[in-house]
Amino acid sequence: MGHGAPLYFLGPLVTDIAAGYDHITSAIGGALAASYGVDFICYVTPAEHLRLPDVEDVREGVIAARIAGHAADIVKSVKGASERDTEMSKWRKARNWEKQKEFCIDPVKFTREREKFPQQQEDVCTMCGEFCAMRDE
């Protein structure tokens, strides 16, 4: 694509109707672009086209871009990318919260979300309860 030179993409935004969520539309576009060979993707913040970003906006944009890059690495079979997801799946099934935190892309948000509504039981799926498809019989 770049005739030997690294190719950089800003975004691309896959839709223009998501004001306040441009970091997500950019991550989708970035994952697609990187899957097809783009060398560098850029982060876009939720504040894009609305206002100047603050620190949290930048953090969210960077995390979204990292997720996009990771997804592209899986598509391109980059060594270690899918193994990390396999490990995360294993620890989700086991409901081992500390190991999940270790393998997730954003341990800070993981902790914040876990602390919002502390669980009564650690060994219960937070969404499905007893109906979880991954629970052991």
Protein backbone atom coordinates (compact mmCIF):
# COMPACT_ATOMS: atom_id res chain seq x y z
CA MET A 1 0.00 0.00 0.00
CA GLY A 2 2.62 2.53 1.03
CA HIS A 3 5.29 1.27 -1.42
CA GLY A 4 7.62 0.36 1.45
CA ALA A 5 6.81 3.39 3.59
CA PRO A 6 4.71 2.99 6.75
CA LEU A 7 1.08 3.95 6.21
CA TYR A 8 -0.74 5.93 8.90
CA PHE A 9 -4.50 6.34 9.26
CA LEU A 10 -6.46 8.77 11.41
CA GLY A 11 -9.64 6.84 12.05
CA PRO A 12 -11.27 6.32 9.65
CA LEU A 13 -14.66 7.05 11.14
CA VAL A 14 -17.01 4.42 9.75
CA THR A 15 -20.07 6.59 10.34
CA ASP A 16 -20.59 10.28 10.99
CA ILE A 17 -23.71 10.07 13.20
CA ALA A 18 -21.96 9.01 16.41
CA ALA A 19 -21.02 12.38 17.91
CA GLY A 20 -19.66 11.67 21.38
CA TYR A 21 -18.71 8.15 20.30
CA ASP A 22 -16.19 8.92 17.58
CA HIS A 23 -13.59 6.92 19.53
CA ILE A 24 -15.72 3.82 18.85
CA THR A 25 -16.37 4.55 15.17
CA SER A 26 -12.67 5.29 14.74
CA ALA A 27 -11.68 2.06 16.49
CA ILE A 28 -13.91 0.06 14.14
CA GLY A 29 -12.35 1.78 11.13
CA GLY A 30 -8.86 1.45 12.59
CA ALA A 31 -9.31 -2.28 13.17
CA LEU A 32 -10.44 -2.75 9.58
CA ALA A 33 -7.63 -0.60 8.18
CA ALA A 34 -4.96 -2.35 10.26
CA SER A 35 -6.37 -5.74 9.25
CA TYR A 36 -5.74 -4.73 5.64
CA GLY A 37 -2.18 -3.59 6.26
CA VAL A 38 -2.16 -0.06 7.66
CA ASP A 39 0.93 0.24 9.88
CA PHE A 40 -0.19 2.93 12.33
CA ILE A 41 -3.64 3.83 13.60
CA CYS A 42 -4.38 6.95 15.59
CA TYR A 43 -6.62 7.37 18.57
CA VAL A 44 -9.69 9.58 18.37
CA THR A 45 -11.40 10.85 21.51
CA PRO A 46 -15.11 10.89 22.39
CA ALA A 47 -14.83 14.69 22.29
CA GLU A 48 -13.78 14.71 18.61
CA HIS A 49 -15.73 17.37 16.64
CA LEU A 50 -17.45 18.56 19.86
CA ARG A 51 -14.81 20.19 22.05
CA LEU A 52 -11.19 19.92 23.12
CA PRO A 53 -10.55 16.59 24.86
CA ASP A 54 -9.71 16.26 28.53
CA VAL A 55 -7.42 13.62 30.06
CA GLU A 56 -10.21 11.04 30.41
CA ASP A 57 -11.23 11.56 26.76
CA VAL A 58 -7.65 10.90 25.68
CA ARG A 59 -7.50 7.80 27.89
CA GLU A 60 -10.74 6.43 26.39
CA GLY A 61 -9.52 7.14 22.87
CA VAL A 62 -6.19 5.43 23.45
CA ILE A 63 -7.88 2.35 24.94
CA ALA A 64 -10.29 2.17 21.97
CA ALA A 65 -7.33 2.37 19.56
CA ARG A 66 -5.48 -0.34 21.51
CA ILE A 67 -8.55 -2.59 21.24
CA ALA A 68 -8.65 -1.91 17.50
CA GLY A 69 -4.98 -2.78 17.17
CA HIS A 70 -5.44 -5.97 19.16
CA ALA A 71 -8.40 -7.02 17.02
CA ALA A 72 -6.32 -6.43 13.88
CA ASP A 73 -3.47 -8.45 15.37
CA ILE A 74 -5.86 -11.37 15.86
CA VAL A 75 -7.02 -11.10 12.23
CA LYS A 76 -3.38 -11.05 11.07
CA SER A 77 -2.45 -13.98 13.38
CA VAL A 78 0.19 -11.94 15.20
CA LYS A 79 1.95 -14.19 17.69
CA GLY A 80 0.43 -13.92 21.18
CA ALA A 81 -2.68 -11.94 20.24
CA SER A 82 -5.24 -14.73 20.27
CA GLU A 83 -3.46 -16.46 23.16
CA ARG A 84 -4.22 -13.48 25.37
CA ASP A 85 -7.91 -13.76 24.46
CA THR A 86 -7.86 -17.50 25.14
CA GLU A 87 -6.41 -16.85 28.59
CA MET A 88 -9.04 -14.19 29.28
CA SER A 89 -11.81 -16.59 28.24
CA LYS A 90 -10.43 -19.26 30.53
CA TRP A 91 -10.44 -16.90 33.52
CA ARG A 92 -13.90 -15.54 32.68
CA LYS A 93 -15.27 -19.08 32.67
CA ALA A 94 -13.57 -19.73 36.02
CA ARG A 95 -14.79 -16.34 37.29
CA ASN A 96 -11.28 -15.62 38.52
CA TRP A 97 -11.51 -11.85 38.79
CA GLU A 98 -7.83 -11.22 39.58
CA LYS A 99 -6.66 -13.17 36.53
CA GLN A 100 -9.25 -11.39 34.36
CA LYS A 101 -7.86 -8.08 35.57
CA GLU A 102 -4.37 -9.25 34.64
CA PHE A 103 -5.34 -10.11 31.05
CA CYS A 104 -7.80 -7.27 30.32
CA ILE A 105 -6.71 -4.29 28.27
CA ASP A 106 -7.73 -1.71 30.92
CA PRO A 107 -7.22 -2.91 34.52
CA VAL A 108 -8.16 0.53 35.89
CA LYS A 109 -11.64 0.44 34.33
CA PHE A 110 -11.98 -3.24 35.23
CA THR A 111 -11.43 -2.39 38.90
CA ARG A 112 -13.69 0.67 38.78
CA GLU A 113 -16.56 -1.32 37.26
CA ARG A 114 -16.12 -4.21 39.70
CA GLU A 115 -16.21 -1.81 42.66
CA LYS A 116 -19.36 0.05 41.52
CA PHE A 117 -21.70 -2.70 42.65
CA PRO A 118 -19.87 -5.26 44.80
CA GLN A 119 -21.12 -8.81 44.24
CA GLN A 120 -22.63 -10.89 47.04
CA GLN A 121 -21.02 -14.04 45.62
CA GLU A 122 -17.77 -14.10 43.66
CA ASP A 123 -18.56 -17.37 41.86
CA VAL A 124 -21.71 -16.20 40.07
CA CYS A 125 -21.87 -14.76 36.57
CA THR A 126 -22.69 -11.07 36.96
CA MET A 127 -25.05 -11.06 33.96
CA CYS A 128 -26.55 -14.52 33.63
CA GLY A 129 -26.53 -15.76 37.21
CA GLU A 130 -27.37 -19.45 37.38
CA PHE A 131 -28.23 -19.48 33.65
CA CYS A 132 -24.67 -18.72 32.50
CA ALA A 133 -23.69 -20.90 29.52
CA MET A 134 -20.12 -21.08 30.79
CA ARG A 135 -20.85 -22.31 34.29
CA ASP A 136 -19.77 -25.75 35.37
CA GLU A 137 -22.56 -28.24 35.89
